[in-house]
Amino acid sequence: MIPETDENLLDESLDVQPLPSLTWQLDFDKKRIVGKIDGLDAIKQAVFKVFQTDRFWHDIYSFDYGHELTLLLGSSPEFVRSEATRMIQEALMPDDRIQSVQNVEAEILGDQITLRFGVVTVYGSFEQEVSRNV
């Protein structure tokens, strides 16, 4: 048997609403959940967590989650500076609460890269710093 379709349902528009940002608040020092957070604080935590996760390495995460900064290992400083901006944007822009990434600065000291950038969200803006070994 073939199911029947109600033609009137095909013409109705869908209400697209952003997902809520309410999430568990993590205390990274004590390695515990300490409550719930929402809004800008939830996005700050989400951005921090994205840069703690290597993309494509963990089956539990989709291919849209995480970063690829580890691909910069052994690269020249000029290449690292140019690719870091793209990699940061690719890591953060899948989150529909984040509107843009601005003012990316890369500082390389030995094998350490420190990235500083601004994140513009629907709840406001904040500055983020990420350090990785390259």
Protein backbone atom coordinates (compact mmCIF):
# COMPACT_ATOMS: atom_id res chain seq x y z
CA MET A 1 0.00 0.00 0.00
CA ILE A 2 1.16 3.48 -0.82
CA PRO A 3 0.46 6.14 1.82
CA GLU A 4 -1.74 9.04 0.81
CA THR A 5 -0.53 12.63 1.11
CA ASP A 6 -2.64 15.56 2.19
CA GLU A 7 -1.95 18.15 -0.54
CA ASN A 8 -2.91 21.03 1.80
CA LEU A 9 0.02 20.23 4.09
CA LEU A 10 2.52 20.67 1.25
CA ASP A 11 1.59 24.35 0.82
CA GLU A 12 1.96 25.33 4.48
CA SER A 13 5.10 27.21 5.43
CA LEU A 14 7.30 26.00 8.25
CA ASP A 15 8.27 28.26 11.13
CA VAL A 16 12.04 28.24 11.36
CA GLN A 17 13.17 29.13 14.87
CA PRO A 18 16.68 29.17 16.28
CA LEU A 19 17.53 26.44 18.74
CA PRO A 20 17.71 27.48 22.39
CA SER A 21 21.17 28.04 23.78
CA LEU A 22 20.39 26.73 27.28
CA THR A 23 23.02 24.16 28.19
CA TRP A 24 24.90 22.65 31.09
CA GLN A 25 27.58 24.85 32.65
CA LEU A 26 30.88 23.04 32.88
CA ASP A 27 33.53 23.74 35.51
CA PHE A 28 36.68 22.67 33.67
CA ASP A 29 38.91 22.98 36.76
CA LYS A 30 36.81 20.63 38.90
CA LYS A 31 35.60 18.59 35.90
CA ARG A 32 31.98 18.90 36.97
CA ILE A 33 28.64 20.21 35.81
CA VAL A 34 27.73 23.11 38.09
CA GLY A 35 24.41 24.32 36.71
CA LYS A 36 22.93 25.71 33.53
CA ILE A 37 23.85 28.70 31.37
CA ASP A 38 22.17 30.50 28.51
CA GLY A 39 22.84 33.28 26.04
CA LEU A 40 26.32 34.73 25.60
CA ASP A 41 27.87 32.57 28.35
CA ALA A 42 26.60 29.43 26.63
CA ILE A 43 28.17 30.52 23.34
CA LYS A 44 31.49 31.31 25.05
CA GLN A 45 31.51 27.79 26.45
CA ALA A 46 30.59 26.34 23.05
CA VAL A 47 33.45 28.21 21.36
CA PHE A 48 35.88 26.98 24.02
CA LYS A 49 34.71 23.40 23.53
CA VAL A 50 35.03 23.60 19.72
CA PHE A 51 38.72 24.41 20.09
CA GLN A 52 39.24 21.49 22.49
CA THR A 53 38.01 19.01 19.86
CA ASP A 54 39.90 17.94 16.73
CA ARG A 55 37.57 17.68 13.74
CA PHE A 56 37.04 14.20 12.17
CA TRP A 57 38.74 12.37 15.08
CA HIS A 58 35.77 11.48 17.26
CA ASP A 59 32.83 9.42 16.05
CA ILE A 60 30.48 11.04 18.56
CA TYR A 61 30.71 14.44 16.79
CA SER A 62 29.47 15.36 13.32
CA PHE A 63 32.00 16.46 10.69
CA ASP A 64 30.87 20.08 11.26
CA TYR A 65 32.17 20.11 14.84
CA GLY A 66 35.70 20.85 16.00
CA HIS A 67 38.77 22.48 14.51
CA GLU A 68 41.53 21.51 12.09
CA LEU A 69 44.38 23.56 13.56
CA THR A 70 46.43 20.39 14.01
CA LEU A 71 46.87 20.34 10.22
CA LEU A 72 49.17 23.33 10.64
CA LEU A 73 51.81 21.21 12.41
CA GLY A 74 55.22 21.87 10.87
CA SER A 75 53.99 24.57 8.49
CA SER A 76 55.73 27.86 7.85
CA PRO A 77 54.60 30.85 9.93
CA GLU A 78 53.27 32.66 6.84
CA PHE A 79 51.10 29.68 5.91
CA VAL A 80 49.87 29.33 9.50
CA ARG A 81 48.82 32.98 9.65
CA SER A 82 46.90 32.79 6.39
CA GLU A 83 45.15 29.48 7.09
CA ALA A 84 44.31 30.18 10.73
CA THR A 85 41.60 32.71 9.81
CA ARG A 86 39.89 30.27 7.46
CA MET A 87 40.10 27.41 9.94
CA ILE A 88 38.64 29.50 12.77
CA GLN A 89 35.72 30.56 10.61
CA GLU A 90 35.08 26.98 9.46
CA ALA A 91 35.10 25.81 13.06
CA LEU A 92 32.67 28.44 14.36
CA MET A 93 30.29 29.35 11.53
CA PRO A 94 28.23 26.11 11.61
CA ASP A 95 26.76 27.44 14.89
CA ASP A 96 23.78 29.55 13.78
CA ARG A 97 24.10 31.76 16.89
CA ILE A 98 27.48 33.03 15.66
CA GLN A 99 27.22 35.78 13.06
CA SER A 100 30.88 36.45 12.29
CA VAL A 101 34.50 36.12 13.34
CA GLN A 102 36.54 39.32 13.27
CA ASN A 103 40.06 40.66 13.78
CA VAL A 104 41.94 37.37 13.72
CA GLU A 105 45.52 37.78 14.95
CA ALA A 106 48.08 35.00 14.93
CA GLU A 107 51.22 35.12 17.04
CA ILE A 108 53.83 32.40 16.61
CA LEU A 109 56.52 31.80 19.22
CA GLY A 110 58.57 28.68 18.55
CA ASP A 111 56.14 25.77 18.19
CA GLN A 112 53.26 27.63 19.87
CA ILE A 113 50.60 29.59 17.99
CA THR A 114 48.30 31.94 19.84
CA LEU A 115 45.19 33.07 17.99
CA ARG A 116 43.13 36.04 19.14
CA PHE A 117 39.83 36.92 17.52
CA GLY A 118 36.46 38.50 18.12
CA VAL A 119 33.23 36.52 17.93
CA VAL A 120 30.00 38.35 17.05
CA THR A 121 26.88 36.49 18.14
CA VAL A 122 23.15 37.13 18.29
CA TYR A 123 23.61 37.81 22.05
CA GLY A 124 26.61 40.14 21.80
CA SER A 125 30.35 40.04 21.12
CA PHE A 126 33.38 38.73 22.97
CA GLU A 127 37.10 38.17 22.48
CA GLN A 128 38.59 34.67 22.43
CA GLU A 129 42.16 33.40 22.64
CA VAL A 130 43.27 29.92 21.54
CA SER A 131 46.77 28.46 21.92
CA ARG A 132 47.96 25.34 20.15
CA ASN A 133 51.26 23.67 19.40
CA VAL A 134 52.14 23.74 15.71
